[in-house]
Amino acid sequence: MSGKHTSNHCIYGYRKDPNNKDHWIIDEEAAEVVRRIYRMAIEGKGPYEIARILINFMVFGLKDFILGSVCFFFICILSCLMGQKKIVLKYLIFYVVIAAIQQLCAFLPQAIETILSIFTLFIRVMIPVVLFASTFIATTKVSELIAAMYSLKIPRSITITFAMVLRFFPTFSEEIHNIYDAMKLRGIALSWKNVFTRPVLILEAIAIPIVMRSASIAEELSASAVTRGIDNPAQRTSFIQLKVHAKDWMVLCFFLVAFVVLFFCKYQIYGRI
């Protein structure tokens, strides 16, 4: 009965006191959400309606949309500088379409609105991540990546793992196309008709080849890497000599400043936007 909390994790609405780990203090940002929930409950709103309002607030909140869009804009600039203008255009159009769908969700029935809002929110958040990953894979050679990571003295285990992952996904993408072509030859092409009329067969035709080929690809890449001496503990040399130029420092400084500004906007003036 000492009065100390029995849980190591603070409940929503509180955070640990920096000066005393056993003392909880109010987290003003989260507390405002908690107060809003209680106000809606006092007004007679049920749990389902409160959940729907909170989801809509998260999806359509101006501050989150602005910060997310600014982050996406910076990644678009970086991708354009790396020569991926066509990819940027595709993702930009897709981002606008998803944002428009989010606005239209307000005119749908409650059940559909909630499900579609969560789905579109997830997609909108993931678009910048996928764009950056696509640009990185399209513009970075594995050999150059390994040389750069070794020159930065990054541990060998991390370098090898990262190189294997970078080699795996392009190969896996080719296998997906091969599986799709094989399904079309067998007369079970991936279409909405087959998804609703033969769902089990479609799942079997996709899942089993993917699992089998994924294991095979991993083994082949591992064997290839070992054959090339990637696990050799001796000091490695490289034909590729990488240097950091003035343009690289300029781009790095620009995005570091942008990150600091976004971080400040997110956590310092969070409630003012």
C-alpha atoms as a PDB file:
ATOM      1  CA  MET A   1       0.000   0.000   0.000  1.00  0.00           C
ATOM      2  CA  SER A   2       2.830   2.378  -0.789  1.00  0.00           C
ATOM      3  CA  GLY A   3       0.784   4.270  -3.351  1.00  0.00           C
ATOM      4  CA  LYS A   4       3.149   3.405  -6.208  1.00  0.00           C
ATOM      5  CA  HIS A   5       1.774   2.386  -9.586  1.00  0.00           C
ATOM      6  CA  THR A   6       1.749  -1.356 -10.271  1.00  0.00           C
ATOM      7  CA  SER A   7       2.339  -0.928 -14.018  1.00  0.00           C
ATOM      8  CA  ASN A   8       5.574   0.199 -15.675  1.00  0.00           C
ATOM      9  CA  HIS A   9       3.598   1.787 -18.529  1.00  0.00           C
ATOM     10  CA  CYS A  10       1.523   4.907 -18.092  1.00  0.00           C
ATOM     11  CA  ILE A  11      -2.129   4.780 -19.005  1.00  0.00           C
ATOM     12  CA  TYR A  12      -3.312   7.008 -21.837  1.00  0.00           C
ATOM     13  CA  GLY A  13      -3.467  10.615 -20.688  1.00  0.00           C
ATOM     14  CA  TYR A  14      -0.406  10.461 -18.444  1.00  0.00           C
ATOM     15  CA  ARG A  15       3.368  10.276 -18.824  1.00  0.00           C
ATOM     16  CA  LYS A  16       6.238   9.594 -16.450  1.00  0.00           C
ATOM     17  CA  ASP A  17       7.739  12.456 -14.490  1.00  0.00           C
ATOM     18  CA  PRO A  18      11.330  13.021 -15.748  1.00  0.00           C
ATOM     19  CA  ASN A  19      12.435  13.673 -12.165  1.00  0.00           C
ATOM     20  CA  ASN A  20      10.626  10.728 -10.568  1.00  0.00           C
ATOM     21  CA  LYS A  21       9.904   7.551 -12.497  1.00  0.00           C
ATOM     22  CA  ASP A  22       7.284   6.458  -9.931  1.00  0.00           C
ATOM     23  CA  HIS A  23       5.282   9.657 -10.391  1.00  0.00           C
ATOM     24  CA  TRP A  24       2.901  10.195 -13.296  1.00  0.00           C
ATOM     25  CA  ILE A  25       2.072  13.626 -14.647  1.00  0.00           C
ATOM     26  CA  ILE A  26      -0.658  14.672 -17.054  1.00  0.00           C
ATOM     27  CA  ASP A  27       0.176  14.487 -20.759  1.00  0.00           C
ATOM     28  CA  GLU A  28      -1.624  17.593 -21.981  1.00  0.00           C
ATOM     29  CA  GLU A  29      -1.759  16.437 -25.600  1.00  0.00           C
ATOM     30  CA  ALA A  30      -3.398  13.114 -24.755  1.00  0.00           C
ATOM     31  CA  ALA A  31      -5.426  14.611 -21.896  1.00  0.00           C
ATOM     32  CA  GLU A  32      -7.312  16.829 -24.325  1.00  0.00           C
ATOM     33  CA  VAL A  33      -8.476  13.706 -26.178  1.00  0.00           C
ATOM     34  CA  VAL A  34      -9.535  12.055 -22.904  1.00  0.00           C
ATOM     35  CA  ARG A  35     -11.501  15.163 -21.876  1.00  0.00           C
ATOM     36  CA  ARG A  36     -13.180  15.189 -25.256  1.00  0.00           C
ATOM     37  CA  ILE A  37     -14.216  11.527 -24.831  1.00  0.00           C
ATOM     38  CA  TYR A  38     -15.757  12.268 -21.420  1.00  0.00           C
ATOM     39  CA  ARG A  39     -17.588  15.309 -22.767  1.00  0.00           C
ATOM     40  CA  MET A  40     -19.100  13.252 -25.575  1.00  0.00           C
ATOM     41  CA  ALA A  41     -20.102  10.518 -23.103  1.00  0.00           C
ATOM     42  CA  ILE A  42     -21.810  13.101 -20.871  1.00  0.00           C
ATOM     43  CA  GLU A  43     -23.659  14.411 -23.926  1.00  0.00           C
ATOM     44  CA  GLY A  44     -25.131  10.936 -24.394  1.00  0.00           C
ATOM     45  CA  LYS A  45     -23.042   9.624 -27.267  1.00  0.00           C
ATOM     46  CA  GLY A  46     -22.401   5.875 -27.330  1.00  0.00           C
ATOM     47  CA  PRO A  47     -19.042   4.083 -27.712  1.00  0.00           C
ATOM     48  CA  TYR A  48     -19.533   3.460 -31.438  1.00  0.00           C
ATOM     49  CA  GLU A  49     -20.343   7.096 -32.188  1.00  0.00           C
ATOM     50  CA  ILE A  50     -17.418   8.323 -30.048  1.00  0.00           C
ATOM     51  CA  ALA A  51     -15.050   5.973 -31.888  1.00  0.00           C
ATOM     52  CA  ARG A  52     -16.340   7.226 -35.244  1.00  0.00           C
ATOM     53  CA  ILE A  53     -15.841  10.869 -34.237  1.00  0.00           C
ATOM     54  CA  LEU A  54     -12.297  10.222 -33.020  1.00  0.00           C
ATOM     55  CA  ILE A  55     -11.395   8.355 -36.215  1.00  0.00           C
ATOM     56  CA  ASN A  56     -12.746  11.198 -38.323  1.00  0.00           C
ATOM     57  CA  PHE A  57     -10.824  13.700 -36.191  1.00  0.00           C
ATOM     58  CA  MET A  58      -7.619  11.722 -36.757  1.00  0.00           C
ATOM     59  CA  VAL A  59      -8.219  11.270 -40.489  1.00  0.00           C
ATOM     60  CA  PHE A  60      -9.477  14.747 -41.346  1.00  0.00           C
ATOM     61  CA  GLY A  61      -7.539  16.747 -38.727  1.00  0.00           C
ATOM     62  CA  LEU A  62      -5.963  19.704 -40.498  1.00  0.00           C
ATOM     63  CA  LYS A  63      -2.704  19.572 -38.532  1.00  0.00           C
ATOM     64  CA  ASP A  64      -2.050  15.896 -39.302  1.00  0.00           C
ATOM     65  CA  PHE A  65      -2.964  16.300 -42.953  1.00  0.00           C
ATOM     66  CA  ILE A  66      -0.681  19.339 -43.354  1.00  0.00           C
ATOM     67  CA  LEU A  67       2.293  17.725 -41.635  1.00  0.00           C
ATOM     68  CA  GLY A  68       1.812  14.476 -43.568  1.00  0.00           C
ATOM     69  CA  SER A  69       1.527  16.333 -46.857  1.00  0.00           C
ATOM     70  CA  VAL A  70       4.660  18.396 -46.142  1.00  0.00           C
ATOM     71  CA  CYS A  71       6.587  15.221 -45.354  1.00  0.00           C
ATOM     72  CA  PHE A  72       5.342  13.654 -48.596  1.00  0.00           C
ATOM     73  CA  PHE A  73       6.312  16.827 -50.488  1.00  0.00           C
ATOM     74  CA  PHE A  74       9.899  16.635 -49.197  1.00  0.00           C
ATOM     75  CA  ILE A  75      10.175  12.982 -50.235  1.00  0.00           C
ATOM     76  CA  CYS A  76       8.832  13.897 -53.682  1.00  0.00           C
ATOM     77  CA  ILE A  77      11.569  16.537 -54.005  1.00  0.00           C
ATOM     78  CA  LEU A  78      14.226  14.020 -52.993  1.00  0.00           C
ATOM     79  CA  SER A  79      12.916  11.452 -55.485  1.00  0.00           C
ATOM     80  CA  CYS A  80      12.877  14.058 -58.276  1.00  0.00           C
ATOM     81  CA  LEU A  81      16.478  14.994 -57.486  1.00  0.00           C
ATOM     82  CA  MET A  82      17.340  11.298 -57.830  1.00  0.00           C
ATOM     83  CA  GLY A  83      15.766  11.178 -61.302  1.00  0.00           C
ATOM     84  CA  GLN A  84      12.514   9.366 -60.460  1.00  0.00           C
ATOM     85  CA  LYS A  85      10.043  11.929 -61.825  1.00  0.00           C
ATOM     86  CA  LYS A  86       7.685   9.342 -63.355  1.00  0.00           C
ATOM     87  CA  ILE A  87       7.411   7.437 -60.071  1.00  0.00           C
ATOM     88  CA  VAL A  88       6.795  10.701 -58.206  1.00  0.00           C
ATOM     89  CA  LEU A  89       3.999  11.662 -60.605  1.00  0.00           C
ATOM     90  CA  LYS A  90       2.255   8.311 -60.092  1.00  0.00           C
ATOM     91  CA  TYR A  91       2.459   8.521 -56.308  1.00  0.00           C
ATOM     92  CA  LEU A  92       1.390  12.171 -56.334  1.00  0.00           C
ATOM     93  CA  ILE A  93      -1.769  11.346 -58.289  1.00  0.00           C
ATOM     94  CA  PHE A  94      -2.440   8.404 -55.976  1.00  0.00           C
ATOM     95  CA  TYR A  95      -1.980  10.626 -52.898  1.00  0.00           C
ATOM     96  CA  VAL A  96      -4.473  13.185 -54.234  1.00  0.00           C
ATOM     97  CA  VAL A  97      -7.007  10.418 -54.979  1.00  0.00           C
ATOM     98  CA  ILE A  98      -6.681   8.989 -51.449  1.00  0.00           C
ATOM     99  CA  ALA A  99      -7.064  12.469 -49.929  1.00  0.00           C
ATOM    100  CA  ALA A 100     -10.204  13.035 -52.025  1.00  0.00           C
ATOM    101  CA  ILE A 101     -11.654   9.686 -50.897  1.00  0.00           C
ATOM    102  CA  GLN A 102     -11.051  10.693 -47.286  1.00  0.00           C
ATOM    103  CA  GLN A 103     -13.073  13.859 -47.804  1.00  0.00           C
ATOM    104  CA  LEU A 104     -15.914  11.905 -49.435  1.00  0.00           C
ATOM    105  CA  CYS A 105     -16.090   9.473 -46.506  1.00  0.00           C
ATOM    106  CA  ALA A 106     -18.098  12.050 -44.536  1.00  0.00           C
ATOM    107  CA  PHE A 107     -21.066  11.521 -46.890  1.00  0.00           C
ATOM    108  CA  LEU A 108     -21.188   7.714 -46.482  1.00  0.00           C
ATOM    109  CA  PRO A 109     -23.126   5.616 -43.947  1.00  0.00           C
ATOM    110  CA  GLN A 110     -21.457   5.360 -40.551  1.00  0.00           C
ATOM    111  CA  ALA A 111     -20.276   1.740 -40.817  1.00  0.00           C
ATOM    112  CA  ILE A 112     -18.779   2.195 -44.295  1.00  0.00           C
ATOM    113  CA  GLU A 113     -17.345   5.570 -43.311  1.00  0.00           C
ATOM    114  CA  THR A 114     -15.460   4.107 -40.336  1.00  0.00           C
ATOM    115  CA  ILE A 115     -13.965   1.185 -42.255  1.00  0.00           C
ATOM    116  CA  LEU A 116     -13.031   3.258 -45.296  1.00  0.00           C
ATOM    117  CA  SER A 117     -11.567   6.044 -43.145  1.00  0.00           C
ATOM    118  CA  ILE A 118      -9.220   3.651 -41.342  1.00  0.00           C
ATOM    119  CA  PHE A 119      -8.210   1.993 -44.617  1.00  0.00           C
ATOM    120  CA  THR A 120      -7.496   5.268 -46.437  1.00  0.00           C
ATOM    121  CA  LEU A 121      -5.648   6.679 -43.422  1.00  0.00           C
ATOM    122  CA  PHE A 122      -3.311   3.684 -43.423  1.00  0.00           C
ATOM    123  CA  ILE A 123      -2.677   4.062 -47.159  1.00  0.00           C
ATOM    124  CA  ARG A 124      -2.040   7.813 -46.904  1.00  0.00           C
ATOM    125  CA  VAL A 125       0.477   7.325 -44.104  1.00  0.00           C
ATOM    126  CA  MET A 126       2.286   4.570 -46.007  1.00  0.00           C
ATOM    127  CA  ILE A 127       2.515   6.378 -49.371  1.00  0.00           C
ATOM    128  CA  PRO A 128       5.617   8.471 -48.423  1.00  0.00           C
ATOM    129  CA  VAL A 129       7.329   5.366 -47.005  1.00  0.00           C
ATOM    130  CA  VAL A 130       6.640   3.296 -50.117  1.00  0.00           C
ATOM    131  CA  LEU A 131       7.731   6.147 -52.403  1.00  0.00           C
ATOM    132  CA  PHE A 132      11.046   6.506 -50.584  1.00  0.00           C
ATOM    133  CA  ALA A 133      11.593   2.732 -50.624  1.00  0.00           C
ATOM    134  CA  SER A 134      10.813   2.544 -54.364  1.00  0.00           C
ATOM    135  CA  THR A 135      13.227   5.398 -55.099  1.00  0.00           C
ATOM    136  CA  PHE A 136      15.925   3.854 -52.935  1.00  0.00           C
ATOM    137  CA  ILE A 137      15.653   0.437 -54.613  1.00  0.00           C
ATOM    138  CA  ALA A 138      15.501   1.930 -58.122  1.00  0.00           C
ATOM    139  CA  THR A 139      18.560   4.177 -57.705  1.00  0.00           C
ATOM    140  CA  THR A 140      20.847   2.182 -55.405  1.00  0.00           C
ATOM    141  CA  LYS A 141      23.057  -0.673 -56.521  1.00  0.00           C
ATOM    142  CA  VAL A 142      23.684  -3.321 -53.908  1.00  0.00           C
ATOM    143  CA  SER A 143      27.440  -3.199 -54.535  1.00  0.00           C
ATOM    144  CA  GLU A 144      27.507   0.561 -53.945  1.00  0.00           C
ATOM    145  CA  LEU A 145      25.391   0.167 -50.812  1.00  0.00           C
ATOM    146  CA  ILE A 146      27.732  -2.456 -49.377  1.00  0.00           C
ATOM    147  CA  ALA A 147      30.777  -0.327 -50.166  1.00  0.00           C
ATOM    148  CA  ALA A 148      29.188   2.694 -48.491  1.00  0.00           C
ATOM    149  CA  MET A 149      28.184   0.751 -45.376  1.00  0.00           C
ATOM    150  CA  TYR A 150      31.647  -0.756 -45.024  1.00  0.00           C
ATOM    151  CA  SER A 151      33.261   2.673 -45.407  1.00  0.00           C
ATOM    152  CA  LEU A 152      30.979   3.989 -42.637  1.00  0.00           C
ATOM    153  CA  LYS A 153      32.176   1.170 -40.344  1.00  0.00           C
ATOM    154  CA  ILE A 154      28.675  -0.235 -39.968  1.00  0.00           C
ATOM    155  CA  PRO A 155      28.738  -3.709 -38.368  1.00  0.00           C
ATOM    156  CA  ARG A 156      29.065  -6.544 -40.857  1.00  0.00           C
ATOM    157  CA  SER A 157      25.924  -8.310 -39.599  1.00  0.00           C
ATOM    158  CA  ILE A 158      23.785  -5.248 -40.378  1.00  0.00           C
ATOM    159  CA  THR A 159      25.436  -4.747 -43.773  1.00  0.00           C
ATOM    160  CA  ILE A 160      24.883  -8.356 -44.847  1.00  0.00           C
ATOM    161  CA  THR A 161      21.260  -8.351 -43.660  1.00  0.00           C
ATOM    162  CA  PHE A 162      20.480  -5.086 -45.433  1.00  0.00           C
ATOM    163  CA  ALA A 163      22.120  -6.269 -48.659  1.00  0.00           C
ATOM    164  CA  MET A 164      20.121  -9.520 -48.626  1.00  0.00           C
ATOM    165  CA  VAL A 165      16.863  -7.639 -48.072  1.00  0.00           C
ATOM    166  CA  LEU A 166      17.640  -5.240 -50.919  1.00  0.00           C
ATOM    167  CA  ARG A 167      18.349  -8.141 -53.270  1.00  0.00           C
ATOM    168  CA  PHE A 168      15.324 -10.127 -52.134  1.00  0.00           C
ATOM    169  CA  PHE A 169      12.479  -7.762 -53.015  1.00  0.00           C
ATOM    170  CA  PRO A 170      13.290  -7.172 -56.729  1.00  0.00           C
ATOM    171  CA  THR A 171      13.712 -10.920 -57.193  1.00  0.00           C
ATOM    172  CA  PHE A 172      10.492 -11.572 -55.289  1.00  0.00           C
ATOM    173  CA  SER A 173       8.654  -9.058 -57.486  1.00  0.00           C
ATOM    174  CA  GLU A 174       9.722 -10.968 -60.600  1.00  0.00           C
ATOM    175  CA  GLU A 175       8.465 -14.194 -59.049  1.00  0.00           C
ATOM    176  CA  ILE A 176       5.072 -12.578 -58.375  1.00  0.00           C
ATOM    177  CA  HIS A 177       4.763 -11.715 -62.067  1.00  0.00           C
ATOM    178  CA  ASN A 178       5.740 -15.280 -63.008  1.00  0.00           C
ATOM    179  CA  ILE A 179       3.104 -16.695 -60.638  1.00  0.00           C
ATOM    180  CA  TYR A 180       0.484 -14.389 -62.126  1.00  0.00           C
ATOM    181  CA  ASP A 181       1.371 -15.487 -65.676  1.00  0.00           C
ATOM    182  CA  ALA A 182       1.180 -19.146 -64.629  1.00  0.00           C
ATOM    183  CA  MET A 183      -2.261 -18.575 -63.114  1.00  0.00           C
ATOM    184  CA  LYS A 184      -3.490 -17.023 -66.371  1.00  0.00           C
ATOM    185  CA  LEU A 185      -2.234 -20.036 -68.339  1.00  0.00           C
ATOM    186  CA  ARG A 186      -4.168 -22.334 -65.995  1.00  0.00           C
ATOM    187  CA  GLY A 187      -7.342 -20.304 -66.493  1.00  0.00           C
ATOM    188  CA  ILE A 188      -7.491 -18.924 -62.935  1.00  0.00           C
ATOM    189  CA  ALA A 189      -6.409 -15.343 -63.540  1.00  0.00           C
ATOM    190  CA  LEU A 190      -6.622 -12.941 -60.618  1.00  0.00           C
ATOM    191  CA  SER A 191      -9.929 -11.136 -61.223  1.00  0.00           C
ATOM    192  CA  TRP A 192     -12.872  -9.986 -59.119  1.00  0.00           C
ATOM    193  CA  LYS A 193     -15.028 -12.723 -60.625  1.00  0.00           C
ATOM    194  CA  ASN A 194     -12.632 -15.477 -59.594  1.00  0.00           C
ATOM    195  CA  VAL A 195     -12.055 -13.890 -56.168  1.00  0.00           C
ATOM    196  CA  PHE A 196     -15.788 -14.161 -55.346  1.00  0.00           C
ATOM    197  CA  THR A 197     -16.576 -17.409 -57.193  1.00  0.00           C
ATOM    198  CA  ARG A 198     -13.381 -19.416 -56.483  1.00  0.00           C
ATOM    199  CA  PRO A 199     -11.704 -17.771 -53.471  1.00  0.00           C
ATOM    200  CA  VAL A 200     -10.110 -20.959 -52.081  1.00  0.00           C
ATOM    201  CA  LEU A 201      -8.574 -21.869 -55.435  1.00  0.00           C
ATOM    202  CA  ILE A 202      -7.232 -18.332 -55.912  1.00  0.00           C
ATOM    203  CA  LEU A 203      -5.713 -18.342 -52.422  1.00  0.00           C
ATOM    204  CA  GLU A 204      -4.115 -21.731 -53.021  1.00  0.00           C
ATOM    205  CA  ALA A 205      -2.733 -20.697 -56.432  1.00  0.00           C
ATOM    206  CA  ILE A 206      -1.142 -17.571 -54.937  1.00  0.00           C
ATOM    207  CA  ALA A 207      -0.097 -18.494 -51.403  1.00  0.00           C
ATOM    208  CA  ILE A 208       1.585 -21.861 -51.975  1.00  0.00           C
ATOM    209  CA  PRO A 209       3.892 -20.731 -54.838  1.00  0.00           C
ATOM    210  CA  ILE A 210       4.797 -17.556 -52.936  1.00  0.00           C
ATOM    211  CA  VAL A 211       5.784 -19.481 -49.806  1.00  0.00           C
ATOM    212  CA  MET A 212       7.774 -22.066 -51.750  1.00  0.00           C
ATOM    213  CA  ARG A 213       9.562 -19.550 -53.960  1.00  0.00           C
ATOM    214  CA  SER A 214      10.306 -17.208 -51.032  1.00  0.00           C
ATOM    215  CA  ALA A 215      12.184 -19.957 -49.228  1.00  0.00           C
ATOM    216  CA  SER A 216      13.980 -20.907 -52.448  1.00  0.00           C
ATOM    217  CA  ILE A 217      14.954 -17.293 -53.208  1.00  0.00           C
ATOM    218  CA  ALA A 218      16.330 -16.817 -49.705  1.00  0.00           C
ATOM    219  CA  GLU A 219      18.494 -19.935 -50.035  1.00  0.00           C
ATOM    220  CA  GLU A 220      19.743 -18.920 -53.491  1.00  0.00           C
ATOM    221  CA  LEU A 221      20.665 -15.416 -52.361  1.00  0.00           C
ATOM    222  CA  SER A 222      22.443 -16.764 -49.289  1.00  0.00           C
ATOM    223  CA  ALA A 223      24.434 -19.230 -51.388  1.00  0.00           C
ATOM    224  CA  SER A 224      25.321 -16.493 -53.873  1.00  0.00           C
ATOM    225  CA  ALA A 225      26.488 -14.161 -51.105  1.00  0.00           C
ATOM    226  CA  VAL A 226      28.602 -16.829 -49.435  1.00  0.00           C
ATOM    227  CA  THR A 227      30.165 -17.757 -52.789  1.00  0.00           C
ATOM    228  CA  ARG A 228      31.183 -14.124 -53.257  1.00  0.00           C
ATOM    229  CA  GLY A 229      32.842 -14.133 -49.840  1.00  0.00           C
ATOM    230  CA  ILE A 230      30.451 -11.765 -48.109  1.00  0.00           C
ATOM    231  CA  ASP A 231      31.059 -13.510 -44.769  1.00  0.00           C
ATOM    232  CA  ASN A 232      34.844 -13.431 -45.107  1.00  0.00           C
ATOM    233  CA  PRO A 233      36.189 -11.873 -41.870  1.00  0.00           C
ATOM    234  CA  ALA A 234      39.222 -10.387 -43.653  1.00  0.00           C
ATOM    235  CA  GLN A 235      39.419  -6.707 -44.558  1.00  0.00           C
ATOM    236  CA  ARG A 236      37.342  -6.036 -47.688  1.00  0.00           C
ATOM    237  CA  THR A 237      38.376  -3.938 -50.652  1.00  0.00           C
ATOM    238  CA  SER A 238      36.163  -2.461 -53.349  1.00  0.00           C
ATOM    239  CA  PHE A 239      36.473  -1.212 -56.916  1.00  0.00           C
ATOM    240  CA  ILE A 240      33.867   1.419 -56.093  1.00  0.00           C
ATOM    241  CA  GLN A 241      35.280   4.546 -54.472  1.00  0.00           C
ATOM    242  CA  LEU A 242      32.501   6.628 -52.981  1.00  0.00           C
ATOM    243  CA  LYS A 243      32.968  10.287 -52.065  1.00  0.00           C
ATOM    244  CA  VAL A 244      30.681  12.853 -50.470  1.00  0.00           C
ATOM    245  CA  HIS A 245      30.433  15.982 -52.634  1.00  0.00           C
ATOM    246  CA  ALA A 246      29.189  19.474 -51.869  1.00  0.00           C
ATOM    247  CA  LYS A 247      25.758  18.721 -53.382  1.00  0.00           C
ATOM    248  CA  ASP A 248      25.374  15.753 -51.045  1.00  0.00           C
ATOM    249  CA  TRP A 249      26.079  17.928 -48.010  1.00  0.00           C
ATOM    250  CA  MET A 250      23.619  20.557 -49.235  1.00  0.00           C
ATOM    251  CA  VAL A 251      20.822  18.018 -49.691  1.00  0.00           C
ATOM    252  CA  LEU A 252      21.615  16.399 -46.338  1.00  0.00           C
ATOM    253  CA  CYS A 253      21.537  19.740 -44.506  1.00  0.00           C
ATOM    254  CA  PHE A 254      18.306  20.751 -46.226  1.00  0.00           C
ATOM    255  CA  PHE A 255      16.473  17.602 -45.171  1.00  0.00           C
ATOM    256  CA  LEU A 256      17.914  17.727 -41.659  1.00  0.00           C
ATOM    257  CA  VAL A 257      16.536  21.248 -41.260  1.00  0.00           C
ATOM    258  CA  ALA A 258      13.198  20.118 -42.708  1.00  0.00           C
ATOM    259  CA  PHE A 259      13.075  17.213 -40.250  1.00  0.00           C
ATOM    260  CA  VAL A 260      13.786  19.510 -37.294  1.00  0.00           C
ATOM    261  CA  VAL A 261      11.061  21.929 -38.403  1.00  0.00           C
ATOM    262  CA  LEU A 262       8.514  19.123 -38.803  1.00  0.00           C
ATOM    263  CA  PHE A 263       9.478  17.686 -35.427  1.00  0.00           C
ATOM    264  CA  PHE A 264       9.011  21.104 -33.826  1.00  0.00           C
ATOM    265  CA  CYS A 265       5.624  21.571 -35.474  1.00  0.00           C
ATOM    266  CA  LYS A 266       4.514  18.115 -34.374  1.00  0.00           C
ATOM    267  CA  TYR A 267       5.488  18.269 -30.731  1.00  0.00           C
ATOM    268  CA  GLN A 268       5.780  21.959 -29.807  1.00  0.00           C
ATOM    269  CA  ILE A 269       2.858  23.675 -31.506  1.00  0.00           C
ATOM    270  CA  TYR A 270       0.750  20.556 -31.931  1.00  0.00           C
ATOM    271  CA  GLY A 271      -2.476  22.087 -30.774  1.00  0.00           C
ATOM    272  CA  ARG A 272      -2.247  25.382 -32.652  1.00  0.00           C
ATOM    273  CA  ILE A 273      -2.646  24.159 -36.222  1.00  0.00           C
END
